[in-house]
Amino acid sequence: MNIHNLSLLVIIAEALLKDRLIHAIRESGAKGFTVTEVAGEGSRQRRVGELLGDNIKIEVIANRDTAERILIVLQQDYFPQYTVIAYLSEVQVLREDKYV
């Protein structure tokens, strides 16, 4: 079995950013992503969907360079203005060609 090390980038953001974030992810070279609706609580307390809108989680598995390109866009264009968080972790996958 061939196992490959890649990066998992998780972005949690306001749902209104979905199309813009997907465009940035594609422009950064990622082959794919998964989007889900989420709810939760963080340093700014729990978001109330009826007042502030829904949240989404976007997961991207890619090589480290691609993940870092996406993080740079997030840091420059989204973190200062929007409620967005992101975290990066290492994952092991089969079928590396599906991601890189």
PDB file of N, CA and C in Angstrom:
ATOM      1  N   MET A   1       0.840  -1.162   0.000  1.00  0.00           N
ATOM      2  CA  MET A   1       0.000   0.000   0.000  1.00  0.00           C
ATOM      3  C   MET A   1       0.899   1.243   0.000  1.00  0.00           C
ATOM      4  N   ASN A   2       0.597   2.192  -0.900  1.00  0.00           N
ATOM      5  CA  ASN A   2       1.349   3.435  -0.979  1.00  0.00           C
ATOM      6  C   ASN A   2       0.590   4.551  -0.274  1.00  0.00           C
ATOM      7  N   ILE A   3       1.142   5.003   0.838  1.00  0.00           N
ATOM      8  CA  ILE A   3       0.544   6.088   1.606  1.00  0.00           C
ATOM      9  C   ILE A   3       1.376   7.343   1.377  1.00  0.00           C
ATOM     10  N   HIS A   4       0.695   8.471   1.150  1.00  0.00           N
ATOM     11  CA  HIS A   4       1.372   9.728   0.837  1.00  0.00           C
ATOM     12  C   HIS A   4       0.998  10.790   1.857  1.00  0.00           C
ATOM     13  N   ASN A   5       1.962  11.615   2.253  1.00  0.00           N
ATOM     14  CA  ASN A   5       1.735  12.712   3.188  1.00  0.00           C
ATOM     15  C   ASN A   5       1.335  13.965   2.424  1.00  0.00           C
ATOM     16  N   LEU A   6       0.198  14.528   2.787  1.00  0.00           N
ATOM     17  CA  LEU A   6      -0.279  15.784   2.206  1.00  0.00           C
ATOM     18  C   LEU A   6      -0.783  16.675   3.333  1.00  0.00           C
ATOM     19  N   SER A   7      -1.274  17.848   2.983  1.00  0.00           N
ATOM     20  CA  SER A   7      -1.795  18.788   3.972  1.00  0.00           C
ATOM     21  C   SER A   7      -3.308  18.882   3.862  1.00  0.00           C
ATOM     22  N   LEU A   8      -3.955  19.001   5.005  1.00  0.00           N
ATOM     23  CA  LEU A   8      -5.386  19.253   5.070  1.00  0.00           C
ATOM     24  C   LEU A   8      -5.570  20.681   5.574  1.00  0.00           C
ATOM     25  N   LEU A   9      -6.141  21.520   4.730  1.00  0.00           N
ATOM     26  CA  LEU A   9      -6.458  22.890   5.107  1.00  0.00           C
ATOM     27  C   LEU A   9      -7.955  22.963   5.376  1.00  0.00           C
ATOM     28  N   VAL A  10      -8.323  23.443   6.551  1.00  0.00           N
ATOM     29  CA  VAL A  10      -9.723  23.603   6.921  1.00  0.00           C
ATOM     30  C   VAL A  10      -9.983  25.093   7.106  1.00  0.00           C
ATOM     31  N   ILE A  11     -11.009  25.573   6.427  1.00  0.00           N
ATOM     32  CA  ILE A  11     -11.408  26.977   6.503  1.00  0.00           C
ATOM     33  C   ILE A  11     -12.839  27.022   7.017  1.00  0.00           C
ATOM     34  N   ILE A  12     -13.076  27.815   8.042  1.00  0.00           N
ATOM     35  CA  ILE A  12     -14.430  28.030   8.536  1.00  0.00           C
ATOM     36  C   ILE A  12     -14.722  29.512   8.354  1.00  0.00           C
ATOM     37  N   ALA A  13     -15.830  29.790   7.666  1.00  0.00           N
ATOM     38  CA  ALA A  13     -16.115  31.175   7.279  1.00  0.00           C
ATOM     39  C   ALA A  13     -17.609  31.423   7.182  1.00  0.00           C
ATOM     40  N   GLU A  14     -17.941  32.685   7.036  1.00  0.00           N
ATOM     41  CA  GLU A  14     -19.317  33.081   6.786  1.00  0.00           C
ATOM     42  C   GLU A  14     -19.748  32.510   5.436  1.00  0.00           C
ATOM     43  N   ALA A  15     -20.939  31.968   5.364  1.00  0.00           N
ATOM     44  CA  ALA A  15     -21.418  31.327   4.144  1.00  0.00           C
ATOM     45  C   ALA A  15     -21.456  32.280   2.954  1.00  0.00           C
ATOM     46  N   LEU A  16     -21.627  33.555   3.200  1.00  0.00           N
ATOM     47  CA  LEU A  16     -21.680  34.512   2.098  1.00  0.00           C
ATOM     48  C   LEU A  16     -20.364  34.586   1.319  1.00  0.00           C
ATOM     49  N   LEU A  17     -19.290  34.045   1.887  1.00  0.00           N
ATOM     50  CA  LEU A  17     -17.983  34.038   1.221  1.00  0.00           C
ATOM     51  C   LEU A  17     -17.744  32.796   0.371  1.00  0.00           C
ATOM     52  N   LYS A  18     -18.671  31.884   0.358  1.00  0.00           N
ATOM     53  CA  LYS A  18     -18.467  30.574  -0.280  1.00  0.00           C
ATOM     54  C   LYS A  18     -17.907  30.679  -1.697  1.00  0.00           C
ATOM     55  N   ASP A  19     -18.576  31.388  -2.580  1.00  0.00           N
ATOM     56  CA  ASP A  19     -18.140  31.449  -3.976  1.00  0.00           C
ATOM     57  C   ASP A  19     -16.779  32.111  -4.115  1.00  0.00           C
ATOM     58  N   ARG A  20     -16.544  33.166  -3.350  1.00  0.00           N
ATOM     59  CA  ARG A  20     -15.248  33.855  -3.410  1.00  0.00           C
ATOM     60  C   ARG A  20     -14.119  32.959  -2.915  1.00  0.00           C
ATOM     61  N   LEU A  21     -14.368  32.222  -1.832  1.00  0.00           N
ATOM     62  CA  LEU A  21     -13.340  31.325  -1.300  1.00  0.00           C
ATOM     63  C   LEU A  21     -13.060  30.173  -2.263  1.00  0.00           C
ATOM     64  N   ILE A  22     -14.100  29.626  -2.851  1.00  0.00           N
ATOM     65  CA  ILE A  22     -13.907  28.538  -3.814  1.00  0.00           C
ATOM     66  C   ILE A  22     -13.078  29.031  -4.995  1.00  0.00           C
ATOM     67  N   HIS A  23     -13.352  30.224  -5.462  1.00  0.00           N
ATOM     68  CA  HIS A  23     -12.563  30.798  -6.563  1.00  0.00           C
ATOM     69  C   HIS A  23     -11.089  30.920  -6.154  1.00  0.00           C
ATOM     70  N   ALA A  24     -10.831  31.421  -4.956  1.00  0.00           N
ATOM     71  CA  ALA A  24      -9.449  31.564  -4.476  1.00  0.00           C
ATOM     72  C   ALA A  24      -8.760  30.216  -4.339  1.00  0.00           C
ATOM     73  N   ILE A  25      -9.495  29.211  -3.880  1.00  0.00           N
ATOM     74  CA  ILE A  25      -8.933  27.862  -3.731  1.00  0.00           C
ATOM     75  C   ILE A  25      -8.544  27.302  -5.089  1.00  0.00           C
ATOM     76  N   ARG A  26      -9.421  27.432  -6.060  1.00  0.00           N
ATOM     77  CA  ARG A  26      -9.121  26.945  -7.418  1.00  0.00           C
ATOM     78  C   ARG A  26      -7.949  27.700  -8.030  1.00  0.00           C
ATOM     79  N   GLU A  27      -7.944  29.028  -7.867  1.00  0.00           N
ATOM     80  CA  GLU A  27      -6.861  29.854  -8.416  1.00  0.00           C
ATOM     81  C   GLU A  27      -5.508  29.505  -7.797  1.00  0.00           C
ATOM     82  N   SER A  28      -5.533  29.001  -6.569  1.00  0.00           N
ATOM     83  CA  SER A  28      -4.292  28.633  -5.885  1.00  0.00           C
ATOM     84  C   SER A  28      -3.761  27.271  -6.316  1.00  0.00           C
ATOM     85  N   GLY A  29      -4.542  26.538  -7.112  1.00  0.00           N
ATOM     86  CA  GLY A  29      -4.063  25.282  -7.659  1.00  0.00           C
ATOM     87  C   GLY A  29      -4.618  24.021  -7.040  1.00  0.00           C
ATOM     88  N   ALA A  30      -5.567  24.134  -6.126  1.00  0.00           N
ATOM     89  CA  ALA A  30      -6.148  22.931  -5.521  1.00  0.00           C
ATOM     90  C   ALA A  30      -7.015  22.201  -6.539  1.00  0.00           C
ATOM     91  N   LYS A  31      -6.993  20.883  -6.475  1.00  0.00           N
ATOM     92  CA  LYS A  31      -7.785  20.064  -7.398  1.00  0.00           C
ATOM     93  C   LYS A  31      -9.226  19.900  -6.944  1.00  0.00           C
ATOM     94  N   GLY A  32      -9.490  20.059  -5.660  1.00  0.00           N
ATOM     95  CA  GLY A  32     -10.845  19.860  -5.171  1.00  0.00           C
ATOM     96  C   GLY A  32     -10.999  20.331  -3.743  1.00  0.00           C
ATOM     97  N   PHE A  33     -12.209  20.223  -3.249  1.00  0.00           N
ATOM     98  CA  PHE A  33     -12.541  20.680  -1.905  1.00  0.00           C
ATOM     99  C   PHE A  33     -13.878  20.068  -1.506  1.00  0.00           C
ATOM    100  N   THR A  34     -14.192  20.155  -0.225  1.00  0.00           N
ATOM    101  CA  THR A  34     -15.490  19.739   0.295  1.00  0.00           C
ATOM    102  C   THR A  34     -16.049  20.893   1.112  1.00  0.00           C
ATOM    103  N   VAL A  35     -17.322  21.220   0.902  1.00  0.00           N
ATOM    104  CA  VAL A  35     -17.983  22.299   1.636  1.00  0.00           C
ATOM    105  C   VAL A  35     -19.134  21.709   2.436  1.00  0.00           C
ATOM    106  N   THR A  36     -19.210  22.070   3.717  1.00  0.00           N
ATOM    107  CA  THR A  36     -20.327  21.669   4.559  1.00  0.00           C
ATOM    108  C   THR A  36     -20.807  22.868   5.376  1.00  0.00           C
ATOM    109  N   GLU A  37     -22.091  22.861   5.720  1.00  0.00           N
ATOM    110  CA  GLU A  37     -22.627  23.872   6.619  1.00  0.00           C
ATOM    111  C   GLU A  37     -22.297  23.452   8.042  1.00  0.00           C
ATOM    112  N   VAL A  38     -21.882  24.416   8.867  1.00  0.00           N
ATOM    113  CA  VAL A  38     -21.470  24.111  10.235  1.00  0.00           C
ATOM    114  C   VAL A  38     -22.010  25.148  11.212  1.00  0.00           C
ATOM    115  N   ALA A  39     -21.991  24.791  12.476  1.00  0.00           N
ATOM    116  CA  ALA A  39     -22.328  25.702  13.565  1.00  0.00           C
ATOM    117  C   ALA A  39     -21.353  25.434  14.697  1.00  0.00           C
ATOM    118  N   GLY A  40     -21.137  26.429  15.535  1.00  0.00           N
ATOM    119  CA  GLY A  40     -20.229  26.218  16.644  1.00  0.00           C
ATOM    120  C   GLY A  40     -20.018  27.482  17.441  1.00  0.00           C
ATOM    121  N   GLU A  41     -19.000  27.430  18.283  1.00  0.00           N
ATOM    122  CA  GLU A  41     -18.692  28.546  19.158  1.00  0.00           C
ATOM    123  C   GLU A  41     -17.188  28.686  19.255  1.00  0.00           C
ATOM    124  N   GLY A  42     -16.725  29.921  19.260  1.00  0.00           N
ATOM    125  CA  GLY A  42     -15.296  30.184  19.347  1.00  0.00           C
ATOM    126  C   GLY A  42     -15.019  31.370  20.247  1.00  0.00           C
ATOM    127  N   SER A  43     -13.909  32.040  19.985  1.00  0.00           N
ATOM    128  CA  SER A  43     -13.495  33.155  20.833  1.00  0.00           C
ATOM    129  C   SER A  43     -14.488  34.307  20.822  1.00  0.00           C
ATOM    130  N   ARG A  44     -15.272  34.396  19.774  1.00  0.00           N
ATOM    131  CA  ARG A  44     -16.285  35.455  19.681  1.00  0.00           C
ATOM    132  C   ARG A  44     -17.666  34.944  20.081  1.00  0.00           C
ATOM    133  N   GLN A  45     -17.693  33.824  20.753  1.00  0.00           N
ATOM    134  CA  GLN A  45     -18.927  33.166  21.186  1.00  0.00           C
ATOM    135  C   GLN A  45     -19.646  32.535  19.991  1.00  0.00           C
ATOM    136  N   ARG A  46     -20.786  31.958  20.250  1.00  0.00           N
ATOM    137  CA  ARG A  46     -21.532  31.249  19.221  1.00  0.00           C
ATOM    138  C   ARG A  46     -22.172  32.241  18.260  1.00  0.00           C
ATOM    139  N   ARG A  47     -22.106  31.921  16.969  1.00  0.00           N
ATOM    140  CA  ARG A  47     -22.757  32.753  15.953  1.00  0.00           C
ATOM    141  C   ARG A  47     -24.220  32.354  15.864  1.00  0.00           C
ATOM    142  N   VAL A  48     -25.065  33.325  15.758  1.00  0.00           N
ATOM    143  CA  VAL A  48     -26.495  33.076  15.636  1.00  0.00           C
ATOM    144  C   VAL A  48     -26.861  33.231  14.170  1.00  0.00           C
ATOM    145  N   GLY A  49     -27.164  32.109  13.507  1.00  0.00           N
ATOM    146  CA  GLY A  49     -27.419  32.097  12.082  1.00  0.00           C
ATOM    147  C   GLY A  49     -28.486  33.072  11.624  1.00  0.00           C
ATOM    148  N   GLU A  50     -29.544  33.232  12.413  1.00  0.00           N
ATOM    149  CA  GLU A  50     -30.625  34.128  12.008  1.00  0.00           C
ATOM    150  C   GLU A  50     -30.177  35.575  11.954  1.00  0.00           C
ATOM    151  N   LEU A  51     -29.204  35.946  12.770  1.00  0.00           N
ATOM    152  CA  LEU A  51     -28.742  37.332  12.812  1.00  0.00           C
ATOM    153  C   LEU A  51     -27.516  37.559  11.936  1.00  0.00           C
ATOM    154  N   LEU A  52     -26.590  36.631  11.964  1.00  0.00           N
ATOM    155  CA  LEU A  52     -25.309  36.835  11.302  1.00  0.00           C
ATOM    156  C   LEU A  52     -25.094  35.955  10.080  1.00  0.00           C
ATOM    157  N   GLY A  53     -25.990  35.049   9.789  1.00  0.00           N
ATOM    158  CA  GLY A  53     -25.826  34.152   8.654  1.00  0.00           C
ATOM    159  C   GLY A  53     -25.188  32.846   9.054  1.00  0.00           C
ATOM    160  N   ASP A  54     -25.256  31.892   8.146  1.00  0.00           N
ATOM    161  CA  ASP A  54     -24.708  30.568   8.393  1.00  0.00           C
ATOM    162  C   ASP A  54     -23.197  30.561   8.198  1.00  0.00           C
ATOM    163  N   ASN A  55     -22.573  29.494   8.687  1.00  0.00           N
ATOM    164  CA  ASN A  55     -21.143  29.269   8.503  1.00  0.00           C
ATOM    165  C   ASN A  55     -20.937  28.059   7.606  1.00  0.00           C
ATOM    166  N   ILE A  56     -19.804  28.050   6.941  1.00  0.00           N
ATOM    167  CA  ILE A  56     -19.401  26.899   6.141  1.00  0.00           C
ATOM    168  C   ILE A  56     -18.022  26.444   6.577  1.00  0.00           C
ATOM    169  N   LYS A  57     -17.757  25.174   6.303  1.00  0.00           N
ATOM    170  CA  LYS A  57     -16.413  24.620   6.485  1.00  0.00           C
ATOM    171  C   LYS A  57     -15.980  24.102   5.125  1.00  0.00           C
ATOM    172  N   ILE A  58     -14.805  24.540   4.697  1.00  0.00           N
ATOM    173  CA  ILE A  58     -14.230  24.064   3.439  1.00  0.00           C
ATOM    174  C   ILE A  58     -12.972  23.285   3.781  1.00  0.00           C
ATOM    175  N   GLU A  59     -12.915  22.049   3.303  1.00  0.00           N
ATOM    176  CA  GLU A  59     -11.736  21.205   3.518  1.00  0.00           C
ATOM    177  C   GLU A  59     -11.036  20.992   2.187  1.00  0.00           C
ATOM    178  N   VAL A  60      -9.722  21.208   2.211  1.00  0.00           N
ATOM    179  CA  VAL A  60      -8.905  21.062   1.005  1.00  0.00           C
ATOM    180  C   VAL A  60      -7.729  20.158   1.347  1.00  0.00           C
ATOM    181  N   ILE A  61      -7.554  19.083   0.596  1.00  0.00           N
ATOM    182  CA  ILE A  61      -6.356  18.257   0.719  1.00  0.00           C
ATOM    183  C   ILE A  61      -5.480  18.576  -0.477  1.00  0.00           C
ATOM    184  N   ALA A  62      -4.243  18.987  -0.191  1.00  0.00           N
ATOM    185  CA  ALA A  62      -3.336  19.417  -1.255  1.00  0.00           C
ATOM    186  C   ALA A  62      -1.901  19.271  -0.766  1.00  0.00           C
ATOM    187  N   ASN A  63      -0.962  19.567  -1.656  1.00  0.00           N
ATOM    188  CA  ASN A  63       0.426  19.594  -1.195  1.00  0.00           C
ATOM    189  C   ASN A  63       0.640  20.853  -0.356  1.00  0.00           C
ATOM    190  N   ARG A  64       1.732  20.924   0.353  1.00  0.00           N
ATOM    191  CA  ARG A  64       1.984  22.025   1.296  1.00  0.00           C
ATOM    192  C   ARG A  64       2.037  23.376   0.588  1.00  0.00           C
ATOM    193  N   ASP A  65       2.660  23.436  -0.589  1.00  0.00           N
ATOM    194  CA  ASP A  65       2.777  24.705  -1.313  1.00  0.00           C
ATOM    195  C   ASP A  65       1.408  25.264  -1.676  1.00  0.00           C
ATOM    196  N   THR A  66       0.516  24.421  -2.165  1.00  0.00           N
ATOM    197  CA  THR A  66      -0.828  24.864  -2.528  1.00  0.00           C
ATOM    198  C   THR A  66      -1.578  25.347  -1.295  1.00  0.00           C
ATOM    199  N   ALA A  67      -1.500  24.598  -0.214  1.00  0.00           N
ATOM    200  CA  ALA A  67      -2.170  24.992   1.031  1.00  0.00           C
ATOM    201  C   ALA A  67      -1.646  26.338   1.523  1.00  0.00           C
ATOM    202  N   GLU A  68      -0.357  26.554   1.434  1.00  0.00           N
ATOM    203  CA  GLU A  68       0.218  27.823   1.887  1.00  0.00           C
ATOM    204  C   GLU A  68      -0.193  28.978   0.984  1.00  0.00           C
ATOM    205  N   ARG A  69      -0.339  28.745  -0.324  1.00  0.00           N
ATOM    206  CA  ARG A  69      -0.829  29.800  -1.222  1.00  0.00           C
ATOM    207  C   ARG A  69      -2.242  30.225  -0.826  1.00  0.00           C
ATOM    208  N   ILE A  70      -3.069  29.257  -0.485  1.00  0.00           N
ATOM    209  CA  ILE A  70      -4.433  29.574  -0.052  1.00  0.00           C
ATOM    210  C   ILE A  70      -4.399  30.360   1.257  1.00  0.00           C
ATOM    211  N   LEU A  71      -3.557  29.954   2.187  1.00  0.00           N
ATOM    212  CA  LEU A  71      -3.448  30.655   3.464  1.00  0.00           C
ATOM    213  C   LEU A  71      -3.002  32.102   3.283  1.00  0.00           C
ATOM    214  N   ILE A  72      -2.120  32.351   2.341  1.00  0.00           N
ATOM    215  CA  ILE A  72      -1.673  33.723   2.073  1.00  0.00           C
ATOM    216  C   ILE A  72      -2.847  34.572   1.607  1.00  0.00           C
ATOM    217  N   VAL A  73      -3.669  34.033   0.710  1.00  0.00           N
ATOM    218  CA  VAL A  73      -4.855  34.765   0.239  1.00  0.00           C
ATOM    219  C   VAL A  73      -5.798  35.034   1.407  1.00  0.00           C
ATOM    220  N   LEU A  74      -6.020  34.035   2.247  1.00  0.00           N
ATOM    221  CA  LEU A  74      -6.893  34.226   3.400  1.00  0.00           C
ATOM    222  C   LEU A  74      -6.364  35.323   4.315  1.00  0.00           C
ATOM    223  N   GLN A  75      -5.077  35.274   4.582  1.00  0.00           N
ATOM    224  CA  GLN A  75      -4.466  36.247   5.483  1.00  0.00           C
ATOM    225  C   GLN A  75      -4.555  37.664   4.924  1.00  0.00           C
ATOM    226  N   GLN A  76      -4.347  37.827   3.641  1.00  0.00           N
ATOM    227  CA  GLN A  76      -4.352  39.151   3.031  1.00  0.00           C
ATOM    228  C   GLN A  76      -5.761  39.682   2.775  1.00  0.00           C
ATOM    229  N   ASP A  77      -6.647  38.832   2.262  1.00  0.00           N
ATOM    230  CA  ASP A  77      -7.925  39.307   1.745  1.00  0.00           C
ATOM    231  C   ASP A  77      -9.130  39.046   2.644  1.00  0.00           C
ATOM    232  N   TYR A  78      -9.020  38.129   3.589  1.00  0.00           N
ATOM    233  CA  TYR A  78     -10.205  37.740   4.351  1.00  0.00           C
ATOM    234  C   TYR A  78     -10.085  37.956   5.858  1.00  0.00           C
ATOM    235  N   PHE A  79      -8.970  37.611   6.465  1.00  0.00           N
ATOM    236  CA  PHE A  79      -8.850  37.723   7.918  1.00  0.00           C
ATOM    237  C   PHE A  79      -9.135  39.136   8.440  1.00  0.00           C
ATOM    238  N   PRO A  80      -8.657  40.186   7.768  1.00  0.00           N
ATOM    239  CA  PRO A  80      -8.893  41.530   8.316  1.00  0.00           C
ATOM    240  C   PRO A  80     -10.362  41.973   8.299  1.00  0.00           C
ATOM    241  N   GLN A  81     -11.161  41.440   7.389  1.00  0.00           N
ATOM    242  CA  GLN A  81     -12.512  41.959   7.177  1.00  0.00           C
ATOM    243  C   GLN A  81     -13.642  41.022   7.562  1.00  0.00           C
ATOM    244  N   TYR A  82     -13.378  39.731   7.616  1.00  0.00           N
ATOM    245  CA  TYR A  82     -14.445  38.750   7.777  1.00  0.00           C
ATOM    246  C   TYR A  82     -14.168  37.806   8.938  1.00  0.00           C
ATOM    247  N   THR A  83     -15.215  37.112   9.358  1.00  0.00           N
ATOM    248  CA  THR A  83     -15.064  36.078  10.373  1.00  0.00           C
ATOM    249  C   THR A  83     -14.630  34.797   9.663  1.00  0.00           C
ATOM    250  N   VAL A  84     -13.337  34.565   9.643  1.00  0.00           N
ATOM    251  CA  VAL A  84     -12.744  33.415   8.965  1.00  0.00           C
ATOM    252  C   VAL A  84     -11.644  32.855   9.855  1.00  0.00           C
ATOM    253  N   ILE A  85     -11.635  31.549  10.017  1.00  0.00           N
ATOM    254  CA  ILE A  85     -10.501  30.888  10.655  1.00  0.00           C
ATOM    255  C   ILE A  85      -9.998  29.799   9.722  1.00  0.00           C
ATOM    256  N   ALA A  86      -8.752  29.423   9.896  1.00  0.00           N
ATOM    257  CA  ALA A  86      -8.170  28.369   9.076  1.00  0.00           C
ATOM    258  C   ALA A  86      -7.141  27.619   9.908  1.00  0.00           C
ATOM    259  N   TYR A  87      -7.044  26.338   9.663  1.00  0.00           N
ATOM    260  CA  TYR A  87      -5.993  25.559  10.289  1.00  0.00           C
ATOM    261  C   TYR A  87      -5.489  24.499   9.328  1.00  0.00           C
ATOM    262  N   LEU A  88      -4.256  24.126   9.532  1.00  0.00           N
ATOM    263  CA  LEU A  88      -3.549  23.223   8.630  1.00  0.00           C
ATOM    264  C   LEU A  88      -3.041  22.035   9.436  1.00  0.00           C
ATOM    265  N   SER A  89      -3.216  20.845   8.895  1.00  0.00           N
ATOM    266  CA  SER A  89      -2.669  19.649   9.525  1.00  0.00           C
ATOM    267  C   SER A  89      -2.171  18.697   8.439  1.00  0.00           C
ATOM    268  N   GLU A  90      -1.363  17.783   8.865  1.00  0.00           N
ATOM    269  CA  GLU A  90      -0.835  16.796   7.932  1.00  0.00           C
ATOM    270  C   GLU A  90      -1.748  15.569   7.936  1.00  0.00           C
ATOM    271  N   VAL A  91      -1.983  15.034   6.745  1.00  0.00           N
ATOM    272  CA  VAL A  91      -2.805  13.834   6.599  1.00  0.00           C
ATOM    273  C   VAL A  91      -2.072  12.844   5.714  1.00  0.00           C
ATOM    274  N   GLN A  92      -2.475  11.600   5.819  1.00  0.00           N
ATOM    275  CA  GLN A  92      -1.933  10.550   4.966  1.00  0.00           C
ATOM    276  C   GLN A  92      -3.056  10.041   4.082  1.00  0.00           C
ATOM    277  N   VAL A  93      -2.768   9.943   2.794  1.00  0.00           N
ATOM    278  CA  VAL A  93      -3.804   9.550   1.840  1.00  0.00           C
ATOM    279  C   VAL A  93      -3.299   8.440   0.927  1.00  0.00           C
ATOM    280  N   LEU A  94      -4.249   7.732   0.387  1.00  0.00           N
ATOM    281  CA  LEU A  94      -3.998   6.843  -0.736  1.00  0.00           C
ATOM    282  C   LEU A  94      -4.390   7.618  -1.990  1.00  0.00           C
ATOM    283  N   ARG A  95      -3.957   7.195  -3.146  1.00  0.00           N
ATOM    284  CA  ARG A  95      -4.350   7.822  -4.408  1.00  0.00           C
ATOM    285  C   ARG A  95      -3.974   9.315  -4.449  1.00  0.00           C
ATOM    286  N   GLU A  96      -2.713   9.577  -4.243  1.00  0.00           N
ATOM    287  CA  GLU A  96      -2.197  10.948  -4.216  1.00  0.00           C
ATOM    288  C   GLU A  96      -2.597  11.752  -5.454  1.00  0.00           C
ATOM    289  N   ASP A  97      -2.717  11.096  -6.587  1.00  0.00           N
ATOM    290  CA  ASP A  97      -3.045  11.785  -7.837  1.00  0.00           C
ATOM    291  C   ASP A  97      -4.414  12.455  -7.783  1.00  0.00           C
ATOM    292  N   LYS A  98      -5.288  12.073  -6.879  1.00  0.00           N
ATOM    293  CA  LYS A  98      -6.590  12.713  -6.735  1.00  0.00           C
ATOM    294  C   LYS A  98      -6.473  14.115  -6.118  1.00  0.00           C
ATOM    295  N   TYR A  99      -5.343  14.400  -5.466  1.00  0.00           N
ATOM    296  CA  TYR A  99      -5.183  15.638  -4.718  1.00  0.00           C
ATOM    297  C   TYR A  99      -4.107  16.576  -5.281  1.00  0.00           C
ATOM    298  N   VAL A 100      -3.158  16.019  -5.979  1.00  0.00           N
ATOM    299  CA  VAL A 100      -2.003  16.818  -6.439  1.00  0.00           C
ATOM    300  C   VAL A 100      -1.933  16.789  -7.953  1.00  0.00           C
TER     301      VAL A 100
END
